[in-house]
Amino acid sequence: MESKSKTKDENGKVYLVGAGPGDLGLVTLRAKECIEGADVIVYDHLANPEMLSWARDDAEIVYAGKRAGEPRKLSGLSQQEINTLLIEKARQGKEVVRLKGGDPFVFGRGAEEATAIVDAGIEFEIVPGITSAIAGPAYAGIPVTHRAENSHVTFFTGHEDPAKAESAIDYAALAKLGGTQVMLMGVERLESITREMLTQGVRKDLPVALVRWATTGRQETLIGTLQNIADRAVAGGFEAPAVAVFGEVVALRESLNWYEKRPLSGKRVVVTRTRKQASALSNKLRALGAQVVELPTIRIEPPTDLREFAELVQDAHAYDWIIFTSANGVEAFFEIFFKLYDDAREIGGARIAAIGPATAQRVKDFHLHVDLQPEEYIAEAVVREFQKQGGVENLRILLVRAEKARDVLPKELSVSGAIVDEAFAYRTVPETRDITGARRQLATEGADLITFTSSSTVENFLALGLPWPKGMQIASIGPITSKTARDHGLKIDIEPRRHDIDGLVQAIRDFFVKKTRTNSATATPNVAQIIRTD
């Protein structure tokens, strides 16, 4: 979807978009496309707020709430207020995305909103989403159908009291129907619902599963029978949002449970990289089962003197070497380069050095060869590598780097006899926006681990002044970042031998696997011995 400017007399369009069950990987491509092009986004409590990072910077974002059980003043807008808002924004000529958890037409009141939009004469589109009624059981290792167990599946909502005479749920019919039955939005009424099912003749030993925060890093599953599941839920403090599955297929979880056995399952990890760069780390952590909280602390902006940088890029062919210290520098350099030239050969005879595999890969993305890449991903290693190759005396070197970066590399190269020009390609500034509510989430829910991938992420996180969650440990990408953290009084718990994203992810995985094994081996482990890796 593309945002299109409208005249004030021309209506916009409303997109009723299913946000899926929670896992970002289960959001449809069409949903992401709509979010990226929206002028206004109105989202519910159960829509993963990380999706809002796909929105344009100038998009208007409205939290509609709709969280069951919350007081009216805390739960956002009423349904009528939501309908009115969607229509008003569309009449202003705006492209409006109504972001609803799961699928908008599966117990989501999407049909009511669509009807209001139609009555107002506004154009609309429905973007289906994966419902938690299917995804929740699947992520808990429970297939809702199995030819050896059932021939049908029924979805029903528990968001009403079955004791009411006007209840729309026919529990007697459900009892006769059998098969797999999946209930959404009813965990807080579980005791009365199971009692009604038992009254209608459903056998008391029928397997039941509750799946809470399905498909997210917070997922929990509780198993029981129709007779005891309500008591187990109360005893375990099992609260909404949860999906309930009734039927023999629940027993298959014993062999099919996959999601909750991953090495980082149940771990909440904070990622502090820029919003644009966060996904590379976040996706790898999510694949291991972590609940990722993206809390960008820095933002990449053009250099203070863009003209000076452009002039150095223009003269790049005059240098013997071009050294890139980061992928950001590579991107900034070639963005200017290809505005000045239409042929990569205009870079002339300059050879290229890159610090780190991500930087090297970004150079290769522009179909250029990396001539020098040190094994260690630090500035000092570049100097040593040059010395191995005969030194840099009288060589002209263009160093593409961030403003206010460490001056170790230019100084060492100059001392070694090189003629060094520094091309400041970008600058990092504090990220002031928090459109996903990550800071509030960290303050209220805490975290197991925070990751720092540069000194600036450390400094800018601390500058936010957020309370440090109890027990939150630190993973640093490398020694320079670790030194900055220690200089601020922090203790590093994880530092990989390979100082890149893949190395960091592997170190985090090994850390928690080792910790789990150690905790399993002894009831009173020495925590200090377990977590030390530096």
Protein backbone atom coordinates (compact mmCIF):
# COMPACT_ATOMS: atom_id res chain seq x y z
CA MET A 1 0.00 0.00 0.00
CA GLU A 2 1.29 3.46 -0.87
CA SER A 3 0.23 6.58 0.96
CA LYS A 4 -1.36 8.89 -1.56
CA SER A 5 -2.08 12.55 -1.05
CA LYS A 6 -5.78 13.33 -1.24
CA THR A 7 -7.70 16.50 -1.75
CA LYS A 8 -9.66 17.61 1.28
CA ASP A 9 -12.89 16.52 -0.44
CA GLU A 10 -11.58 13.05 -1.28
CA ASN A 11 -11.90 10.24 1.25
CA GLY A 12 -9.05 7.97 2.21
CA LYS A 13 -9.32 4.25 2.83
CA VAL A 14 -9.48 2.00 5.89
CA TYR A 15 -7.57 -1.28 6.06
CA LEU A 16 -8.79 -3.74 8.69
CA VAL A 17 -5.56 -5.66 9.22
CA GLY A 18 -5.01 -8.88 11.12
CA ALA A 19 -1.87 -8.51 13.21
CA GLY A 20 -1.51 -12.25 13.77
CA PRO A 21 -1.07 -14.02 17.11
CA GLY A 22 2.10 -12.24 18.28
CA ASP A 23 5.11 -13.73 16.50
CA LEU A 24 6.35 -11.13 14.00
CA GLY A 25 7.20 -13.95 11.62
CA LEU A 26 3.51 -14.79 11.34
CA VAL A 27 2.48 -11.33 10.13
CA THR A 28 1.46 -11.39 6.47
CA LEU A 29 3.39 -9.53 3.82
CA ARG A 30 0.24 -7.58 2.98
CA ALA A 31 -0.13 -6.47 6.61
CA LYS A 32 3.47 -5.19 6.66
CA GLU A 33 2.89 -3.39 3.37
CA CYS A 34 -0.18 -1.65 4.77
CA ILE A 35 1.63 -0.56 7.94
CA GLU A 36 4.53 0.86 5.93
CA GLY A 37 2.20 3.02 3.84
CA ALA A 38 -0.28 4.14 6.50
CA ASP A 39 -0.94 7.74 7.49
CA VAL A 40 -2.74 6.60 10.64
CA ILE A 41 -2.42 3.33 12.60
CA VAL A 42 -4.98 2.41 15.26
CA TYR A 43 -3.82 -0.69 17.13
CA ASP A 44 -5.12 -3.00 19.83
CA HIS A 45 -3.46 -4.34 22.98
CA LEU A 46 -2.82 -7.79 21.50
CA ALA A 47 -1.18 -6.47 18.33
CA ASN A 48 2.59 -6.85 18.75
CA PRO A 49 3.80 -3.23 19.10
CA GLU A 50 7.08 -4.12 17.35
CA MET A 51 5.08 -3.92 14.11
CA LEU A 52 4.84 -0.18 14.64
CA SER A 53 8.56 0.09 13.84
CA TRP A 54 7.57 -0.54 10.20
CA ALA A 55 5.50 2.65 10.16
CA ARG A 56 6.67 5.88 8.56
CA ASP A 57 8.20 8.43 10.91
CA ASP A 58 5.34 10.83 10.22
CA ALA A 59 2.55 8.29 10.72
CA GLU A 60 0.01 9.04 13.45
CA ILE A 61 -0.17 6.12 15.89
CA VAL A 62 -3.18 5.65 18.17
CA TYR A 63 -3.46 3.03 20.93
CA ALA A 64 -7.03 1.75 21.05
CA GLY A 65 -6.46 -0.63 23.95
CA LYS A 66 -9.37 -3.06 24.09
CA ARG A 67 -7.83 -5.16 26.84
CA ALA A 68 -10.39 -7.33 28.55
CA GLY A 69 -10.73 -6.83 32.28
CA GLU A 70 -9.09 -3.41 32.46
CA PRO A 71 -10.97 -0.43 33.90
CA ARG A 72 -12.57 1.70 31.19
CA LYS A 73 -10.18 4.62 31.76
CA LEU A 74 -7.18 2.32 31.17
CA SER A 75 -8.49 0.15 28.35
CA GLY A 76 -8.33 2.69 25.56
CA LEU A 77 -11.18 3.69 23.29
CA SER A 78 -14.71 2.33 23.28
CA GLN A 79 -15.87 0.49 20.16
CA GLN A 80 -17.99 3.47 19.11
CA GLU A 81 -15.02 5.80 19.59
CA ILE A 82 -12.88 3.53 17.44
CA ASN A 83 -15.48 3.45 14.68
CA THR A 84 -15.77 7.23 14.77
CA LEU A 85 -11.99 7.70 14.71
CA LEU A 86 -11.52 5.43 11.68
CA ILE A 87 -14.21 7.26 9.75
CA GLU A 88 -12.98 10.75 10.72
CA LYS A 89 -9.39 10.00 9.69
CA ALA A 90 -10.50 8.48 6.38
CA ARG A 91 -12.67 11.52 5.66
CA GLN A 92 -9.55 13.63 6.07
CA GLY A 93 -8.17 11.79 3.04
CA LYS A 94 -5.86 9.56 5.05
CA GLU A 95 -4.89 5.93 4.60
CA VAL A 96 -5.91 4.29 7.89
CA VAL A 97 -4.74 0.92 9.20
CA ARG A 98 -6.82 -0.66 11.92
CA LEU A 99 -4.44 -3.21 13.45
CA LYS A 100 -6.25 -6.03 15.26
CA GLY A 101 -4.75 -9.01 17.06
CA GLY A 102 -5.14 -12.34 15.26
CA ASP A 103 -7.68 -12.16 12.45
CA PRO A 104 -10.08 -9.20 12.29
CA PHE A 105 -13.09 -11.44 11.57
CA VAL A 106 -12.44 -14.12 14.22
CA PHE A 107 -14.03 -12.87 17.46
CA GLY A 108 -12.43 -9.50 16.79
CA ARG A 109 -15.42 -7.22 16.11
CA GLY A 110 -13.92 -6.52 12.74
CA ALA A 111 -17.28 -7.07 11.06
CA GLU A 112 -18.82 -4.35 13.25
CA GLU A 113 -16.09 -1.91 12.26
CA ALA A 114 -16.42 -2.86 8.60
CA THR A 115 -20.17 -2.27 8.74
CA ALA A 116 -19.69 1.18 10.27
CA ILE A 117 -17.17 2.03 7.56
CA VAL A 118 -19.54 0.86 4.81
CA ASP A 119 -22.41 2.89 6.29
CA ALA A 120 -20.15 5.96 6.20
CA GLY A 121 -19.42 5.42 2.52
CA ILE A 122 -15.69 4.85 3.09
CA GLU A 123 -13.61 2.48 0.97
CA PHE A 124 -12.10 -0.40 2.92
CA GLU A 125 -10.06 -3.59 2.62
CA ILE A 126 -9.84 -6.66 4.84
CA VAL A 127 -6.37 -8.14 5.42
CA PRO A 128 -6.80 -11.53 7.12
CA GLY A 129 -4.39 -12.56 9.86
CA ILE A 130 -3.39 -15.87 11.41
CA THR A 131 -5.71 -16.50 14.33
CA SER A 132 -4.36 -17.59 17.71
CA ALA A 133 -7.05 -20.30 17.66
CA ILE A 134 -4.81 -22.23 15.26
CA ALA A 135 -1.38 -20.74 15.90
CA GLY A 136 -1.55 -21.07 19.69
CA PRO A 137 -2.13 -24.81 19.74
CA ALA A 138 0.39 -25.32 16.91
CA TYR A 139 3.13 -23.51 18.85
CA ALA A 140 2.27 -25.63 21.88
CA GLY A 141 2.67 -28.83 19.86
CA ILE A 142 -1.06 -29.50 19.62
CA PRO A 143 -2.56 -30.10 16.16
CA VAL A 144 -6.22 -29.05 16.20
CA THR A 145 -7.03 -31.89 13.81
CA HIS A 146 -5.70 -35.41 13.53
CA ARG A 147 -7.40 -38.11 11.50
CA ALA A 148 -6.89 -40.66 14.27
CA GLU A 149 -8.45 -38.39 16.89
CA ASN A 150 -11.13 -36.17 15.35
CA SER A 151 -12.89 -35.15 12.16
CA HIS A 152 -13.76 -31.57 13.04
CA VAL A 153 -12.71 -28.56 15.09
CA THR A 154 -14.95 -25.93 16.68
CA PHE A 155 -13.99 -22.40 17.68
CA PHE A 156 -15.98 -20.55 20.32
CA THR A 157 -15.52 -17.50 22.51
CA GLY A 158 -15.57 -17.61 26.27
CA HIS A 159 -16.00 -13.86 26.50
CA GLU A 160 -19.41 -14.16 28.11
CA ASP A 161 -20.80 -15.78 31.22
CA PRO A 162 -22.31 -19.20 30.41
CA ALA A 163 -24.61 -18.83 33.42
CA LYS A 164 -26.48 -16.02 31.67
CA ALA A 165 -29.79 -17.02 30.14
CA GLU A 166 -29.01 -15.01 27.03
CA SER A 167 -25.66 -16.73 26.40
CA ALA A 168 -25.10 -17.42 22.73
CA ILE A 169 -22.99 -20.50 23.47
CA ASP A 170 -24.92 -23.76 23.29
CA TYR A 171 -22.85 -25.92 25.62
CA ALA A 172 -25.20 -28.86 25.21
CA ALA A 173 -24.56 -28.80 21.47
CA LEU A 174 -20.82 -28.52 22.05
CA ALA A 175 -20.94 -31.59 24.31
CA LYS A 176 -22.71 -33.62 21.63
CA LEU A 177 -20.46 -32.36 18.86
CA GLY A 178 -17.19 -33.47 20.48
CA GLY A 179 -14.03 -33.29 18.38
CA THR A 180 -11.47 -30.58 19.12
CA GLN A 181 -12.85 -27.40 20.62
CA VAL A 182 -10.80 -24.22 20.88
CA MET A 183 -11.91 -21.37 23.10
CA LEU A 184 -10.65 -17.81 22.83
CA MET A 185 -10.99 -15.07 25.44
CA GLY A 186 -12.35 -17.11 28.32
CA VAL A 187 -9.59 -18.02 30.74
CA GLU A 188 -10.94 -15.67 33.42
CA ARG A 189 -14.29 -17.54 33.19
CA LEU A 190 -12.72 -20.98 32.98
CA GLU A 191 -14.23 -22.32 36.19
CA SER A 192 -17.83 -21.57 35.17
CA ILE A 193 -17.25 -22.70 31.58
CA THR A 194 -15.78 -26.08 32.55
CA ARG A 195 -18.53 -26.55 35.14
CA GLU A 196 -21.15 -25.96 32.45
CA MET A 197 -19.41 -28.43 30.11
CA LEU A 198 -19.35 -31.07 32.86
CA THR A 199 -23.04 -30.44 33.55
CA GLN A 200 -23.76 -31.10 29.88
CA GLY A 201 -22.12 -34.51 30.06
CA VAL A 202 -18.59 -33.93 28.79
CA ARG A 203 -16.34 -36.48 30.47
CA LYS A 204 -14.26 -35.13 33.33
CA ASP A 205 -10.95 -36.65 32.16
CA LEU A 206 -11.07 -34.91 28.75
CA PRO A 207 -7.56 -33.47 28.13
CA VAL A 208 -7.37 -29.66 28.19
CA ALA A 209 -4.52 -27.27 27.43
CA LEU A 210 -4.20 -23.56 28.13
CA VAL A 211 -1.70 -21.66 25.96
CA ARG A 212 -0.83 -18.20 27.26
CA TRP A 213 0.82 -15.45 25.18
CA ALA A 214 0.89 -17.92 22.32
CA THR A 215 3.66 -17.65 19.67
CA THR A 216 5.62 -15.07 21.69
CA GLY A 217 8.71 -15.45 23.83
CA ARG A 218 6.41 -15.37 26.86
CA GLN A 219 4.45 -18.46 25.82
CA GLU A 220 3.40 -20.82 28.62
CA THR A 221 1.31 -23.98 28.39
CA LEU A 222 -0.69 -25.60 31.19
CA ILE A 223 -2.06 -29.14 30.80
CA GLY A 224 -4.92 -30.71 32.74
CA THR A 225 -8.33 -32.28 32.43
CA LEU A 226 -11.76 -30.74 32.21
CA GLN A 227 -12.23 -31.47 35.90
CA ASN A 228 -9.02 -29.89 37.22
CA ILE A 229 -7.82 -27.33 34.66
CA ALA A 230 -9.61 -24.40 36.32
CA ASP A 231 -8.06 -25.17 39.71
CA ARG A 232 -4.64 -25.57 38.10
CA ALA A 233 -5.00 -22.22 36.35
CA VAL A 234 -5.82 -20.48 39.63
CA ALA A 235 -3.00 -22.22 41.49
CA GLY A 236 -0.49 -21.27 38.79
CA GLY A 237 -1.71 -17.70 38.39
CA PHE A 238 -2.52 -18.44 34.75
CA GLU A 239 -4.13 -15.30 33.33
CA ALA A 240 -5.30 -13.91 29.99
CA PRO A 241 -4.52 -13.74 27.14
CA ALA A 242 -4.81 -17.48 26.64
CA VAL A 243 -6.30 -20.02 24.25
CA ALA A 244 -7.94 -23.17 25.61
CA VAL A 245 -7.93 -26.46 23.70
CA PHE A 246 -10.33 -29.26 24.65
CA GLY A 247 -9.87 -32.70 23.10
CA GLU A 248 -7.76 -35.81 22.68
CA VAL A 249 -5.30 -33.97 20.44
CA VAL A 250 -3.89 -32.30 23.58
CA ALA A 251 -2.10 -35.57 24.40
CA LEU A 252 0.01 -35.20 21.23
CA ARG A 253 1.85 -32.30 22.85
CA GLU A 254 4.02 -34.77 24.76
CA SER A 255 5.84 -35.67 21.55
CA LEU A 256 5.16 -32.62 19.35
CA ASN A 257 6.08 -29.78 21.69
CA TRP A 258 8.78 -27.83 19.84
CA TYR A 259 8.48 -24.12 20.54
CA GLU A 260 8.97 -24.15 24.30
CA LYS A 261 12.05 -26.39 24.13
CA ARG A 262 14.26 -23.87 22.34
CA PRO A 263 17.35 -22.66 24.23
CA LEU A 264 16.12 -19.11 24.91
CA SER A 265 12.46 -19.93 25.56
CA GLY A 266 11.09 -17.80 28.37
CA LYS A 267 14.00 -15.34 28.23
CA ARG A 268 13.34 -11.63 27.68
CA VAL A 269 16.21 -9.94 25.83
CA VAL A 270 16.58 -6.20 25.17
CA VAL A 271 18.10 -5.13 21.84
CA THR A 272 19.49 -1.58 21.81
CA ARG A 273 20.63 -1.30 18.18
CA THR A 274 19.15 1.29 15.83
CA ARG A 275 15.62 0.63 14.69
CA LYS A 276 16.87 -0.14 11.19
CA GLN A 277 19.58 -2.55 12.34
CA ALA A 278 17.72 -4.26 15.19
CA SER A 279 16.01 -6.90 13.07
CA ALA A 280 19.23 -8.76 12.21
CA LEU A 281 19.92 -9.47 15.89
CA SER A 282 16.28 -9.67 16.98
CA ASN A 283 15.32 -12.29 14.41
CA LYS A 284 18.19 -14.57 15.39
CA LEU A 285 17.27 -14.31 19.07
CA ARG A 286 13.59 -14.93 18.37
CA ALA A 287 14.49 -18.03 16.37
CA LEU A 288 16.07 -19.38 19.56
CA GLY A 289 12.90 -18.70 21.53
CA ALA A 290 13.64 -15.34 23.16
CA GLN A 291 11.08 -12.65 23.72
CA VAL A 292 12.83 -9.64 22.20
CA VAL A 293 12.22 -6.09 23.36
CA GLU A 294 13.56 -3.69 20.75
CA LEU A 295 14.60 -0.53 22.56
CA PRO A 296 16.72 1.50 20.13
CA THR A 297 19.03 3.89 21.95
CA ILE A 298 20.71 5.44 18.90
CA ARG A 299 19.68 6.70 15.51
CA ILE A 300 21.89 7.10 12.44
CA GLU A 301 21.86 10.55 10.85
CA PRO A 302 23.89 12.26 8.09
CA PRO A 303 27.23 13.79 9.13
CA THR A 304 27.44 17.35 10.37
CA ASP A 305 29.33 18.38 7.21
CA LEU A 306 27.74 16.42 4.41
CA ARG A 307 29.42 18.54 1.73
CA GLU A 308 32.90 17.72 3.03
CA PHE A 309 32.05 14.01 3.11
CA ALA A 310 30.73 14.15 -0.46
CA GLU A 311 33.92 15.83 -1.67
CA LEU A 312 36.05 13.08 -0.14
CA VAL A 313 33.83 10.42 -1.72
CA GLN A 314 34.17 12.17 -5.07
CA ASP A 315 37.98 11.95 -4.80
CA ALA A 316 38.01 8.32 -3.59
CA HIS A 317 39.84 7.22 -6.75
CA ALA A 318 42.86 9.23 -5.64
CA TYR A 319 43.52 7.05 -2.60
CA ASP A 320 45.53 3.83 -2.31
CA TRP A 321 43.19 2.40 0.30
CA ILE A 322 39.66 3.00 1.55
CA ILE A 323 38.97 1.64 5.03
CA PHE A 324 35.40 1.01 6.15
CA THR A 325 34.83 0.53 9.88
CA SER A 326 31.11 -0.27 9.79
CA ALA A 327 28.26 -1.27 7.53
CA ASN A 328 26.69 2.14 8.16
CA GLY A 329 29.78 3.79 6.72
CA VAL A 330 29.62 1.58 3.62
CA GLU A 331 26.00 2.49 3.00
CA ALA A 332 26.58 6.21 3.48
CA PHE A 333 29.65 6.16 1.21
CA PHE A 334 27.99 4.41 -1.71
CA GLU A 335 24.77 6.38 -1.38
CA ILE A 336 26.83 9.46 -2.21
CA PHE A 337 29.15 7.68 -4.63
CA PHE A 338 26.37 6.52 -6.93
CA LYS A 339 24.82 9.96 -6.94
CA LEU A 340 28.12 11.26 -8.29
CA TYR A 341 29.03 8.36 -10.57
CA ASP A 342 27.07 5.76 -12.50
CA ASP A 343 29.94 3.24 -12.75
CA ALA A 344 31.61 1.44 -9.83
CA ARG A 345 34.91 1.52 -11.77
CA GLU A 346 35.12 5.23 -10.98
CA ILE A 347 36.50 4.18 -7.61
CA GLY A 348 39.73 3.68 -9.53
CA GLY A 349 42.61 1.65 -8.17
CA ALA A 350 41.76 2.14 -4.52
CA ARG A 351 41.85 -1.08 -2.55
CA ILE A 352 39.34 -1.73 0.20
CA ALA A 353 39.74 -2.79 3.82
CA ALA A 354 36.82 -3.66 6.09
CA ILE A 355 36.50 -4.26 9.81
CA GLY A 356 34.15 -7.13 10.56
CA PRO A 357 32.19 -9.54 8.36
CA ALA A 358 29.04 -7.40 8.31
CA THR A 359 31.04 -4.47 6.95
CA ALA A 360 32.79 -6.69 4.42
CA GLN A 361 29.48 -8.18 3.29
CA ARG A 362 28.00 -4.72 2.77
CA VAL A 363 30.95 -3.87 0.50
CA LYS A 364 30.40 -7.11 -1.42
CA ASP A 365 26.72 -6.18 -1.82
CA PHE A 366 27.97 -3.37 -4.07
CA HIS A 367 29.92 -5.97 -6.09
CA LEU A 368 33.33 -4.82 -4.91
CA HIS A 369 36.15 -6.96 -3.55
CA VAL A 370 37.47 -6.62 0.00
CA ASP A 371 41.26 -6.71 -0.15
CA LEU A 372 41.97 -6.69 3.58
CA GLN A 373 39.86 -7.95 6.46
CA PRO A 374 41.53 -8.57 9.83
CA GLU A 375 40.56 -11.62 11.86
CA GLU A 376 39.78 -9.43 14.87
CA TYR A 377 37.01 -6.90 14.41
CA ILE A 378 38.77 -3.95 16.03
CA ALA A 379 40.72 -0.97 14.71
CA GLU A 380 44.05 -2.12 16.13
CA ALA A 381 43.85 -5.32 14.11
CA VAL A 382 43.72 -3.32 10.87
CA VAL A 383 47.06 -1.71 11.66
CA ARG A 384 48.62 -5.07 12.46
CA GLU A 385 47.31 -6.54 9.22
CA PHE A 386 48.80 -3.68 7.20
CA GLN A 387 52.14 -4.22 8.94
CA LYS A 388 52.08 -7.88 7.92
CA GLN A 389 51.64 -6.78 4.32
CA GLY A 390 54.60 -4.44 4.34
CA GLY A 391 53.34 -1.33 6.09
CA VAL A 392 51.54 1.82 4.95
CA GLU A 393 54.36 4.36 4.64
CA ASN A 394 53.47 7.13 2.15
CA LEU A 395 50.18 5.43 1.23
CA ARG A 396 47.10 7.64 0.93
CA ILE A 397 44.25 6.23 3.02
CA LEU A 398 40.63 7.36 3.19
CA LEU A 399 39.12 6.29 6.50
CA VAL A 400 35.32 6.15 6.34
CA ARG A 401 33.93 6.27 9.85
CA ALA A 402 31.41 7.78 12.25
CA GLU A 403 31.81 11.17 13.86
CA LYS A 404 33.27 11.07 17.36
CA ALA A 405 34.51 7.50 16.93
CA ARG A 406 37.72 6.38 18.63
CA ASP A 407 40.80 7.98 17.11
CA VAL A 408 43.06 4.92 17.60
CA LEU A 409 43.05 3.90 13.93
CA PRO A 410 43.89 7.26 12.30
CA LYS A 411 46.60 7.92 14.88
CA GLU A 412 48.23 4.50 14.46
CA LEU A 413 48.11 4.71 10.66
CA SER A 414 49.65 8.20 10.73
CA VAL A 415 52.40 7.08 13.11
CA SER A 416 53.13 4.26 10.67
CA GLY A 417 53.69 6.80 7.90
CA ALA A 418 50.34 6.80 6.12
CA ILE A 419 48.66 9.95 4.82
CA VAL A 420 45.18 9.67 6.34
CA ASP A 421 42.02 11.60 5.53
CA GLU A 422 38.99 10.98 7.71
CA ALA A 423 35.63 10.90 5.93
CA PHE A 424 32.89 11.28 8.52
CA ALA A 425 30.05 9.34 6.92
CA TYR A 426 27.40 9.56 9.62
CA ARG A 427 26.77 10.38 13.22
CA THR A 428 24.92 8.55 15.95
CA VAL A 429 22.40 10.53 17.98
CA PRO A 430 20.21 9.45 20.89
CA GLU A 431 16.92 7.85 19.86
CA THR A 432 14.23 9.95 21.49
CA ARG A 433 11.18 8.14 20.13
CA ASP A 434 9.55 5.15 21.80
CA ILE A 435 6.65 4.33 19.52
CA THR A 436 6.42 0.69 20.61
CA GLY A 437 6.37 1.42 24.36
CA ALA A 438 9.55 -0.59 24.91
CA ARG A 439 10.80 1.64 27.73
CA ARG A 440 7.56 1.23 29.63
CA GLN A 441 7.67 -2.52 29.01
CA LEU A 442 11.21 -2.77 30.36
CA ALA A 443 10.30 -0.75 33.44
CA THR A 444 7.19 -2.81 34.24
CA GLU A 445 8.18 -6.31 33.11
CA GLY A 446 11.98 -6.30 33.43
CA ALA A 447 14.33 -8.43 31.34
CA ASP A 448 16.81 -11.26 31.66
CA LEU A 449 19.46 -9.75 29.38
CA ILE A 450 20.36 -6.54 27.58
CA THR A 451 22.60 -6.49 24.51
CA PHE A 452 25.03 -3.72 23.63
CA THR A 453 26.57 -3.66 20.14
CA SER A 454 28.58 -0.44 20.38
CA SER A 455 29.82 2.04 22.93
CA SER A 456 27.14 4.51 21.86
CA THR A 457 24.38 2.02 22.68
CA VAL A 458 25.77 1.73 26.20
CA GLU A 459 26.10 5.46 26.74
CA ASN A 460 22.72 6.35 25.30
CA PHE A 461 20.88 3.62 27.17
CA LEU A 462 22.31 4.85 30.45
CA ALA A 463 21.44 8.41 29.47
CA LEU A 464 17.76 7.42 29.33
CA GLY A 465 17.87 7.09 33.12
CA LEU A 466 15.69 3.98 33.17
CA PRO A 467 15.67 1.90 36.36
CA TRP A 468 17.85 -1.17 35.98
CA PRO A 469 15.61 -4.26 36.19
CA LYS A 470 16.50 -6.70 38.95
CA GLY A 471 18.72 -9.50 37.68
CA MET A 472 19.14 -8.12 34.16
CA GLN A 473 22.52 -9.24 32.81
CA ILE A 474 24.65 -7.79 30.03
CA ALA A 475 25.89 -9.13 26.71
CA SER A 476 28.50 -7.00 24.92
CA ILE A 477 29.56 -7.54 21.32
CA GLY A 478 33.26 -6.94 21.93
CA PRO A 479 36.07 -5.52 24.08
CA ILE A 480 35.63 -1.86 23.11
CA THR A 481 31.94 -1.91 23.97
CA SER A 482 32.72 -3.87 27.14
CA LYS A 483 35.29 -1.30 28.24
CA THR A 484 32.75 1.50 27.84
CA ALA A 485 30.25 -0.45 29.93
CA ARG A 486 32.80 -1.17 32.65
CA ASP A 487 33.85 2.48 32.68
CA HIS A 488 30.23 3.20 33.63
CA GLY A 489 30.30 0.66 36.45
CA LEU A 490 28.57 -2.18 34.63
CA LYS A 491 29.56 -5.85 34.80
CA ILE A 492 29.78 -7.81 31.55
CA ASP A 493 28.32 -11.30 31.73
CA ILE A 494 28.69 -12.29 28.07
CA GLU A 495 31.32 -11.29 25.53
CA PRO A 496 31.78 -13.45 22.43
CA ARG A 497 35.16 -14.43 21.02
CA ARG A 498 33.88 -13.50 17.58
CA HIS A 499 32.84 -9.85 17.76
CA ASP A 500 29.87 -9.78 15.39
CA ILE A 501 26.14 -10.48 15.53
CA ASP A 502 26.45 -14.21 14.87
CA GLY A 503 29.14 -14.50 17.53
CA LEU A 504 27.03 -12.56 20.01
CA VAL A 505 23.97 -14.73 19.40
CA GLN A 506 26.00 -17.92 19.79
CA ALA A 507 27.52 -16.66 23.04
CA ILE A 508 24.07 -15.78 24.41
CA ARG A 509 22.77 -19.21 23.46
CA ASP A 510 25.73 -20.99 25.10
CA PHE A 511 25.40 -18.84 28.20
CA PHE A 512 21.79 -19.77 28.88
CA VAL A 513 22.25 -23.42 27.92
CA LYS A 514 25.14 -23.70 30.37
CA LYS A 515 23.16 -21.86 33.01
CA THR A 516 20.18 -24.19 32.59
CA ARG A 517 22.36 -27.27 32.81
CA THR A 518 24.12 -26.00 35.91
CA ASN A 519 20.84 -25.11 37.62
CA SER A 520 19.54 -28.57 36.80
CA ALA A 521 22.61 -30.23 38.30
CA THR A 522 22.44 -28.49 41.66
CA ALA A 523 19.66 -26.99 43.73
CA THR A 524 21.91 -24.23 45.11
CA PRO A 525 24.31 -23.18 42.35
CA ASN A 526 27.02 -20.61 42.74
CA VAL A 527 25.59 -17.99 40.40
CA ALA A 528 28.82 -16.03 40.17
CA GLN A 529 30.64 -19.09 38.86
CA ILE A 530 27.93 -19.84 36.31
CA ILE A 531 27.67 -16.47 34.62
CA ARG A 532 31.25 -15.33 34.37
CA THR A 533 32.48 -15.49 30.79
CA ASP A 534 34.97 -12.64 30.62
